[in-house]
Amino acid sequence: MTILKAAVLGAALSLTAACAAPFTADVSRFQRLPAPTGQSFAIVAAEEAKTGSLEFGTYARYVAGELIDEGYREVANPEAADLIVALDYGVGDPREKVATRPGSYGGFARYRYGWYGYRYPIFYDPWFYGYPGMHDRDVYSYTVYNAFLDMVIREDSGEPVFEGRAMTTSRDNDLPELVPNLVTAMFTDFPGNNGRTIRVKVPQDDR
């Protein structure tokens, strides 16, 4: 296999791996939630402004599905529920991050005065010449956003039995894409160990 073909194949494999990268979130949970025995629950918005919105209703359905899978029972009226589940979600302002990457030379053969391009795939000894990009790095910046999902569960007496937050840093602020992944992260090994923060990776292949 020529050096050029190897480089193209390597780039293709890297691109495939990047496309399949899991969604990563940090999840903190505090809980003394009793084992589920069919208790009823109702979901409400933690912020009054989100009550009744279609967006909130969409995310609430994701959470309801997870709670039902855990063994709880949904009711429409919060006053008739054993547990009140308050949800909040959001995304922060954009932030700029600075990083470095290998320089833009991109060649494989190095001579006395620099690197040659891919059209000169000449063999060289890396121990003698060094690796491509070894001496040159580009500095670049990109935009990131912090997104979160908060969930608090209270008994009908008002006592909290679960407080959780899932957070992620993303290259975009697309809440309809971020929140379902945050819900999945929140319910990974639910209800979790009290007072622990874990890093959860959500596979994206089947999404």
Protein backbone atom coordinates (compact mmCIF):
# COMPACT_ATOMS: atom_id res chain seq x y z
CA MET A 1 0.00 0.00 0.00
CA THR A 2 1.43 3.40 -0.97
CA ILE A 3 1.95 6.10 1.62
CA LEU A 4 -0.74 8.22 -0.04
CA LYS A 5 -3.32 5.40 0.12
CA ALA A 6 -2.41 4.71 3.73
CA ALA A 7 -2.89 8.37 4.58
CA VAL A 8 -6.29 8.52 2.87
CA LEU A 9 -7.41 5.31 4.60
CA GLY A 10 -6.25 6.62 7.96
CA ALA A 11 -8.14 9.87 7.46
CA ALA A 12 -11.31 7.98 6.50
CA LEU A 13 -11.09 5.79 9.58
CA SER A 14 -10.55 8.84 11.78
CA LEU A 15 -13.59 10.53 10.27
CA THR A 16 -15.72 7.43 10.88
CA ALA A 17 -14.59 7.26 14.49
CA ALA A 18 -15.40 10.94 14.97
CA CYS A 19 -18.91 10.47 13.59
CA ALA A 20 -19.53 7.64 16.06
CA ALA A 21 -18.10 9.47 19.08
CA PRO A 22 -20.33 9.04 22.13
CA PHE A 23 -22.16 11.88 23.84
CA THR A 24 -20.38 12.61 27.12
CA ALA A 25 -21.98 14.12 30.23
CA ASP A 26 -21.07 14.54 33.88
CA VAL A 27 -23.92 13.48 36.16
CA SER A 28 -24.20 14.42 39.85
CA ARG A 29 -26.92 12.85 41.99
CA PHE A 30 -28.05 13.13 45.60
CA GLN A 31 -30.77 10.75 46.57
CA ARG A 32 -32.65 8.80 49.20
CA LEU A 33 -35.27 7.57 46.77
CA PRO A 34 -37.22 4.53 47.98
CA ALA A 35 -37.29 1.47 45.74
CA PRO A 36 -40.08 1.76 43.16
CA THR A 37 -43.29 -0.05 44.08
CA GLY A 38 -45.59 1.56 41.55
CA GLN A 39 -45.61 5.04 43.12
CA SER A 40 -47.29 7.65 40.97
CA PHE A 41 -45.48 10.70 39.63
CA ALA A 42 -46.26 13.91 37.78
CA ILE A 43 -43.78 16.10 35.92
CA VAL A 44 -43.78 19.88 36.30
CA ALA A 45 -41.55 22.67 35.02
CA ALA A 46 -39.11 24.11 37.54
CA GLU A 47 -39.48 27.47 35.78
CA GLU A 48 -43.00 28.81 35.42
CA ALA A 49 -42.17 30.29 32.01
CA LYS A 50 -41.70 26.79 30.56
CA THR A 51 -45.00 25.41 31.85
CA GLY A 52 -47.26 24.32 29.03
CA SER A 53 -44.69 24.80 26.25
CA LEU A 54 -44.42 22.21 23.52
CA GLU A 55 -40.68 22.02 24.02
CA PHE A 56 -41.02 21.26 27.73
CA GLY A 57 -43.72 18.69 26.99
CA THR A 58 -41.41 16.92 24.57
CA TYR A 59 -38.58 16.63 27.09
CA ALA A 60 -41.02 15.67 29.87
CA ARG A 61 -42.14 12.69 27.78
CA TYR A 62 -38.55 11.44 27.58
CA VAL A 63 -38.26 11.64 31.37
CA ALA A 64 -41.66 10.02 31.91
CA GLY A 65 -40.65 7.10 29.71
CA GLU A 66 -37.51 6.54 31.78
CA LEU A 67 -39.42 6.69 35.09
CA ILE A 68 -42.04 4.26 33.81
CA ASP A 69 -39.25 1.87 32.81
CA GLU A 70 -37.94 2.17 36.38
CA GLY A 71 -41.29 1.01 37.78
CA TYR A 72 -43.14 4.26 38.51
CA ARG A 73 -46.60 5.23 37.27
CA GLU A 74 -47.41 8.56 35.62
CA VAL A 75 -50.49 10.62 36.49
CA ALA A 76 -51.58 13.89 34.94
CA ASN A 77 -52.56 15.74 38.11
CA PRO A 78 -49.63 16.71 40.38
CA GLU A 79 -52.00 16.94 43.35
CA ALA A 80 -52.78 13.23 42.97
CA ALA A 81 -49.14 12.13 42.61
CA ASP A 82 -46.95 10.47 45.20
CA LEU A 83 -43.89 12.10 43.64
CA ILE A 84 -43.48 15.50 41.96
CA VAL A 85 -40.72 15.63 39.35
CA ALA A 86 -39.47 19.15 38.59
CA LEU A 87 -37.43 19.57 35.41
CA ASP A 88 -35.23 22.36 34.16
CA TYR A 89 -32.87 22.55 31.21
CA GLY A 90 -30.86 25.15 29.36
CA VAL A 91 -27.73 26.11 27.49
CA GLY A 92 -25.21 28.78 28.40
CA ASP A 93 -23.65 31.57 26.40
CA PRO A 94 -20.98 30.70 23.82
CA ARG A 95 -17.38 30.43 25.03
CA GLU A 96 -14.22 30.43 22.97
CA LYS A 97 -11.63 27.71 23.55
CA VAL A 98 -8.09 27.71 22.20
CA ALA A 99 -6.33 24.52 21.15
CA THR A 100 -3.43 23.33 19.01
CA ARG A 101 -3.13 20.75 16.25
CA PRO A 102 -0.33 19.45 14.02
CA GLY A 103 0.96 22.00 11.52
CA SER A 104 -0.44 22.26 8.02
CA TYR A 105 2.56 20.81 6.19
CA GLY A 106 0.98 17.37 5.83
CA GLY A 107 3.88 15.67 4.03
CA PHE A 108 5.81 12.52 4.72
CA ALA A 109 9.35 13.25 3.46
CA ARG A 110 11.56 15.83 5.03
CA TYR A 111 14.65 17.30 3.46
CA ARG A 112 17.07 19.85 4.70
CA TYR A 113 14.81 22.82 4.00
CA GLY A 114 11.37 21.53 5.00
CA TRP A 115 8.55 19.08 4.38
CA TYR A 116 7.47 18.06 0.88
CA GLY A 117 3.80 17.53 -0.03
CA TYR A 118 1.92 14.28 -0.55
CA ARG A 119 2.95 14.14 -4.19
CA TYR A 120 6.49 13.35 -3.03
CA PRO A 121 5.97 10.17 -0.97
CA ILE A 122 9.68 9.53 -0.50
CA PHE A 123 10.83 7.19 2.24
CA TYR A 124 12.56 8.75 5.19
CA ASP A 125 13.85 7.63 8.57
CA PRO A 126 11.63 9.27 11.23
CA TRP A 127 14.30 8.79 13.86
CA PHE A 128 16.63 10.94 11.75
CA TYR A 129 14.23 13.53 10.37
CA GLY A 130 11.43 13.56 12.95
CA TYR A 131 7.71 13.03 12.39
CA PRO A 132 5.43 15.30 10.34
CA GLY A 133 3.99 18.03 12.51
CA MET A 134 6.59 17.31 15.17
CA HIS A 135 8.06 20.81 15.02
CA ASP A 136 5.10 22.88 13.79
CA ARG A 137 1.66 23.28 15.38
CA ASP A 138 -1.29 25.46 14.46
CA VAL A 139 -3.20 27.36 17.13
CA TYR A 140 -6.94 27.68 16.56
CA SER A 141 -10.09 28.59 18.47
CA TYR A 142 -13.61 27.18 18.48
CA THR A 143 -16.93 27.86 20.19
CA VAL A 144 -18.43 25.64 22.90
CA TYR A 145 -21.61 25.73 24.98
CA ASN A 146 -22.42 24.29 28.40
CA ALA A 147 -25.83 22.59 28.54
CA PHE A 148 -27.59 21.11 31.56
CA LEU A 149 -30.58 19.12 32.73
CA ASP A 150 -31.76 19.44 36.34
CA MET A 151 -34.24 17.05 37.92
CA VAL A 152 -35.61 17.26 41.47
CA ILE A 153 -38.06 14.67 42.82
CA ARG A 154 -40.12 15.47 45.92
CA GLU A 155 -42.61 13.46 47.89
CA ASP A 156 -46.14 14.81 48.16
CA SER A 157 -45.10 16.21 51.54
CA GLY A 158 -42.56 18.44 49.80
CA GLU A 159 -39.50 16.57 51.04
CA PRO A 160 -36.82 16.10 48.35
CA VAL A 161 -35.78 12.51 47.66
CA PHE A 162 -33.69 13.05 44.53
CA GLU A 163 -31.62 15.93 43.14
CA GLY A 164 -29.68 15.41 39.93
CA ARG A 165 -27.83 17.44 37.35
CA ALA A 166 -26.42 16.27 34.01
CA MET A 167 -24.02 18.62 32.22
CA THR A 168 -22.20 18.53 28.91
CA THR A 169 -19.97 20.76 26.81
CA SER A 170 -20.97 20.85 23.16
CA ARG A 171 -19.87 22.49 19.93
CA ASP A 172 -23.48 23.58 19.31
CA ASN A 173 -26.46 24.81 21.33
CA ASP A 174 -29.10 22.54 19.80
CA LEU A 175 -31.29 21.71 22.82
CA PRO A 176 -33.58 19.26 20.94
CA GLU A 177 -30.44 17.20 20.29
CA LEU A 178 -28.75 17.77 23.64
CA VAL A 179 -31.62 17.27 26.11
CA PRO A 180 -32.58 13.69 25.08
CA ASN A 181 -28.94 12.68 25.54
CA LEU A 182 -28.82 14.42 28.92
CA VAL A 183 -31.97 12.53 29.95
CA THR A 184 -30.33 9.24 28.98
CA ALA A 185 -27.23 10.19 30.97
CA MET A 186 -29.32 11.18 34.00
CA PHE A 187 -31.04 7.78 34.06
CA THR A 188 -27.90 5.72 33.54
CA ASP A 189 -27.68 3.46 36.63
CA PHE A 190 -30.55 5.45 38.13
CA PRO A 191 -30.91 6.60 40.87
CA GLY A 192 -27.16 6.28 41.37
CA ASN A 193 -24.98 6.54 44.44
CA ASN A 194 -25.68 9.44 46.75
CA GLY A 195 -23.22 12.31 46.48
CA ARG A 196 -21.33 10.94 43.48
CA THR A 197 -20.48 12.54 40.15
CA ILE A 198 -19.94 10.14 37.27
CA ARG A 199 -19.02 10.57 33.63
CA VAL A 200 -21.51 8.91 31.30
CA LYS A 201 -20.96 8.15 27.62
CA VAL A 202 -24.11 7.72 25.54
CA PRO A 203 -23.59 5.77 22.27
CA GLN A 204 -24.79 7.64 19.20
CA ASP A 205 -24.80 4.84 16.62
CA ASP A 206 -28.50 4.06 17.04
CA ARG A 207 -29.68 7.68 17.21
